[in-house]
Amino acid sequence: MDVTLHLAQQPEADELLGRSPLAALVGMLLDQQVPMEWAFAGPYTIARRMGADDLDAHEIAAYDPEKFAELLSAKPAVHRHPGSMGKRIHQLCQYLVEHYDGDAAAVWKDAGSGTELLCRLKELPGFGAQKAQTFLALLGKQLGVAPKGRREAAGPYGEAGSFRSVADITGPESLAKVRAHKQEMKAAKASGR
């Protein structure tokens, strides 16, 4: 994995997301109840606060959970809910250490199908069906992970040419299109359509 993502809209943070499978997973985990850019800048902020150039699942899993939550709570906080998100990241890293020897990319490296990969993603702490489908779409559309049936497994997020999620953001223009789509969806939901 060594691509340029444009999710944090900060060069250093985006560079980390593009080269670090764990950073990409953590960014996706943080992507709720905060602006996308804030969420995906989180892994870079965490790495810097840990005095590292990357995130390490073994190191985070070995961290005292309360101390790790404090690390995320330092000003400016990594998330609107730094305590609970710190615990989720800690749980994610413990799971990765236990099931994948700490290698986040192992979640998708040998997946035989999109369905299998979706199941693996849904097993990750903090990853429900929608988050798993969105991340599966991001893996396929931008990170070159393309097991058979991945578009179908990703549901609407896997559609080519769509602008519905982080999987479709490659720069400012596509970011604006994704935001417009989300506003349309919100308006439709509010009006009962």
Protein backbone atom coordinates (compact mmCIF):
# COMPACT_ATOMS: atom_id res chain seq x y z
CA MET A 1 0.00 0.00 0.00
CA ASP A 2 1.63 3.22 -1.08
CA VAL A 3 -0.82 5.58 -2.72
CA THR A 4 -1.91 9.13 -2.09
CA LEU A 5 -5.28 9.48 -0.45
CA HIS A 6 -7.05 12.83 -0.05
CA LEU A 7 -9.29 12.18 2.92
CA ALA A 8 -7.69 14.31 5.64
CA GLN A 9 -7.00 17.15 3.18
CA GLN A 10 -3.59 17.54 4.91
CA PRO A 11 -0.56 16.27 2.96
CA GLU A 12 1.24 14.58 5.88
CA ALA A 13 -1.91 12.93 7.21
CA ASP A 14 -2.98 11.78 3.74
CA GLU A 15 0.49 10.39 3.07
CA LEU A 16 0.26 8.29 6.24
CA LEU A 17 -3.20 7.00 5.26
CA GLY A 18 -1.86 5.95 1.86
CA ARG A 19 1.09 3.98 3.18
CA SER A 20 -0.26 2.58 6.45
CA PRO A 21 -3.07 0.02 6.42
CA LEU A 22 -3.59 0.53 10.17
CA ALA A 23 -3.85 4.31 9.76
CA ALA A 24 -6.49 3.83 7.06
CA LEU A 25 -8.48 1.46 9.31
CA VAL A 26 -8.22 3.83 12.28
CA GLY A 27 -9.29 6.79 10.13
CA MET A 28 -12.33 4.83 8.98
CA LEU A 29 -13.12 3.89 12.57
CA LEU A 30 -12.96 7.56 13.60
CA ASP A 31 -15.21 8.61 10.70
CA GLN A 32 -18.44 9.15 12.61
CA GLN A 33 -19.99 12.18 14.27
CA VAL A 34 -17.14 14.43 13.10
CA PRO A 35 -16.16 15.93 9.74
CA MET A 36 -14.38 13.41 7.52
CA GLU A 37 -11.19 15.47 7.40
CA TRP A 38 -11.00 15.52 11.20
CA ALA A 39 -11.50 11.76 11.39
CA PHE A 40 -8.88 10.89 8.79
CA ALA A 41 -6.33 13.32 10.24
CA GLY A 42 -6.69 11.42 13.52
CA PRO A 43 -4.18 8.63 12.77
CA TYR A 44 -1.48 11.19 11.96
CA THR A 45 -2.21 13.09 15.17
CA ILE A 46 -2.09 9.87 17.20
CA ALA A 47 1.20 8.79 15.61
CA ARG A 48 2.76 12.20 16.34
CA ARG A 49 1.58 12.11 19.95
CA MET A 50 3.12 8.65 20.29
CA GLY A 51 6.40 10.00 18.89
CA ALA A 52 6.20 7.77 15.81
CA ASP A 53 5.96 8.06 12.02
CA ASP A 54 3.32 5.33 11.83
CA LEU A 55 0.82 3.50 13.96
CA ASP A 56 1.73 0.10 15.37
CA ALA A 57 -1.07 -2.26 16.44
CA HIS A 58 1.18 -4.07 18.93
CA GLU A 59 2.20 -0.79 20.59
CA ILE A 60 -1.38 0.50 20.81
CA ALA A 61 -2.71 -2.86 22.07
CA ALA A 62 -0.05 -2.86 24.81
CA TYR A 63 -0.96 0.69 25.86
CA ASP A 64 -2.97 1.14 29.04
CA PRO A 65 -6.51 1.81 27.67
CA GLU A 66 -7.08 4.79 29.98
CA LYS A 67 -3.71 6.34 29.08
CA PHE A 68 -4.45 5.82 25.39
CA ALA A 69 -7.82 7.56 25.79
CA GLU A 70 -5.99 10.45 27.51
CA LEU A 71 -3.63 10.64 24.54
CA LEU A 72 -6.63 11.16 22.25
CA SER A 73 -8.20 13.66 24.66
CA ALA A 74 -5.23 16.07 24.71
CA LYS A 75 -6.03 19.40 23.07
CA PRO A 76 -6.97 19.47 20.29
CA ALA A 77 -8.89 16.23 20.81
CA VAL A 78 -8.61 13.61 18.08
CA HIS A 79 -12.41 13.14 18.05
CA ARG A 80 -15.54 14.65 19.52
CA HIS A 81 -15.68 11.58 21.80
CA PRO A 82 -11.97 10.91 22.42
CA GLY A 83 -12.47 8.60 25.39
CA SER A 84 -14.84 6.17 23.70
CA MET A 85 -12.96 6.34 20.39
CA GLY A 86 -9.68 5.73 22.21
CA LYS A 87 -11.17 2.54 23.66
CA ARG A 88 -12.45 1.47 20.23
CA ILE A 89 -9.05 2.01 18.60
CA HIS A 90 -7.43 0.09 21.45
CA GLN A 91 -9.93 -2.78 20.95
CA LEU A 92 -9.33 -2.73 17.19
CA CYS A 93 -5.57 -3.03 17.71
CA GLN A 94 -6.01 -5.83 20.27
CA TYR A 95 -8.18 -7.67 17.75
CA LEU A 96 -5.60 -7.18 14.99
CA VAL A 97 -2.82 -8.47 17.25
CA GLU A 98 -4.89 -11.48 18.29
CA HIS A 99 -6.21 -12.43 14.85
CA TYR A 100 -3.72 -10.98 12.34
CA ASP A 101 -0.44 -10.69 14.31
CA GLY A 102 -0.90 -6.91 14.30
CA ASP A 103 -0.85 -6.65 10.50
CA ALA A 104 -3.87 -4.59 9.42
CA ALA A 105 -3.29 -5.41 5.75
CA ALA A 106 -3.65 -9.11 6.54
CA VAL A 107 -7.37 -8.43 6.94
CA TRP A 108 -7.61 -8.11 3.16
CA LYS A 109 -4.40 -9.59 1.71
CA ASP A 110 -5.64 -13.11 1.08
CA ALA A 111 -9.41 -12.60 1.02
CA GLY A 112 -10.77 -14.94 -1.61
CA SER A 113 -13.85 -12.87 -2.39
CA GLY A 114 -15.54 -9.58 -1.71
CA THR A 115 -18.02 -11.38 0.53
CA GLU A 116 -15.23 -12.93 2.60
CA LEU A 117 -13.50 -9.56 2.93
CA LEU A 118 -16.74 -7.86 3.94
CA CYS A 119 -17.22 -10.51 6.66
CA ARG A 120 -13.68 -9.92 7.92
CA LEU A 121 -14.24 -6.17 8.04
CA LYS A 122 -17.55 -6.56 9.88
CA GLU A 123 -15.75 -8.64 12.53
CA LEU A 124 -13.46 -5.70 13.37
CA PRO A 125 -14.42 -3.84 16.56
CA GLY A 126 -16.31 -0.67 15.64
CA PHE A 127 -17.09 -1.75 12.06
CA GLY A 128 -20.78 -2.24 11.37
CA ALA A 129 -22.19 -3.18 7.98
CA GLN A 130 -22.15 0.32 6.45
CA LYS A 131 -18.64 1.16 7.67
CA ALA A 132 -17.38 -2.22 6.44
CA GLN A 133 -18.96 -1.72 3.01
CA THR A 134 -17.55 1.80 2.75
CA PHE A 135 -14.06 0.63 3.68
CA LEU A 136 -14.33 -2.28 1.24
CA ALA A 137 -15.19 0.23 -1.48
CA LEU A 138 -12.22 2.42 -0.48
CA LEU A 139 -9.91 -0.60 -0.65
CA GLY A 140 -11.13 -1.44 -4.14
CA LYS A 141 -11.47 2.01 -5.63
CA GLN A 142 -8.29 3.59 -4.30
CA LEU A 143 -6.00 0.98 -2.78
CA GLY A 144 -6.02 -1.72 -5.45
CA VAL A 145 -7.60 -4.45 -3.31
CA ALA A 146 -9.95 -6.19 -5.71
CA PRO A 147 -11.07 -9.69 -4.76
CA LYS A 148 -13.79 -11.15 -6.96
CA GLY A 149 -17.21 -9.73 -6.16
CA ARG A 150 -15.90 -6.78 -4.16
CA ARG A 151 -18.17 -4.23 -5.88
CA GLU A 152 -21.25 -6.29 -5.13
CA ALA A 153 -20.17 -6.88 -1.53
CA ALA A 154 -19.60 -3.14 -1.07
CA GLY A 155 -23.21 -2.49 -2.10
CA PRO A 156 -23.97 1.01 -3.35
CA TYR A 157 -20.55 2.22 -2.12
CA GLY A 158 -18.88 -0.03 -4.67
CA GLU A 159 -20.66 1.48 -7.68
CA ALA A 160 -18.26 2.88 -10.28
CA GLY A 161 -18.58 6.61 -10.85
CA SER A 162 -20.57 7.23 -7.69
CA PHE A 163 -19.92 10.02 -5.21
CA ARG A 164 -21.44 8.73 -2.00
CA SER A 165 -18.60 8.13 0.48
CA VAL A 166 -14.94 8.51 1.38
CA ALA A 167 -14.24 5.74 -1.14
CA ASP A 168 -14.99 8.24 -3.90
CA ILE A 169 -12.91 11.19 -2.69
CA THR A 170 -9.78 11.80 -4.73
CA GLY A 171 -9.54 15.59 -4.36
CA PRO A 172 -11.50 18.78 -3.70
CA GLU A 173 -13.91 18.33 -6.64
CA SER A 174 -14.97 14.81 -5.67
CA LEU A 175 -15.15 15.88 -2.00
CA ALA A 176 -17.67 18.55 -2.99
CA LYS A 177 -19.70 15.97 -4.94
CA VAL A 178 -19.75 13.55 -1.99
CA ARG A 179 -20.83 16.36 0.34
CA ALA A 180 -23.60 17.36 -2.09
CA HIS A 181 -24.79 13.74 -2.25
CA LYS A 182 -24.88 13.50 1.54
CA GLN A 183 -26.86 16.74 1.77
CA GLU A 184 -29.36 15.40 -0.77
CA MET A 185 -29.72 12.20 1.25
CA LYS A 186 -30.23 14.16 4.47
CA ALA A 187 -32.84 16.39 2.84
CA ALA A 188 -34.66 13.37 1.38
CA LYS A 189 -34.69 11.67 4.79
CA ALA A 190 -35.96 14.85 6.49
CA SER A 191 -38.78 15.21 3.98
CA GLY A 192 -39.75 11.55 4.35
CA ARG A 193 -38.84 10.50 0.79
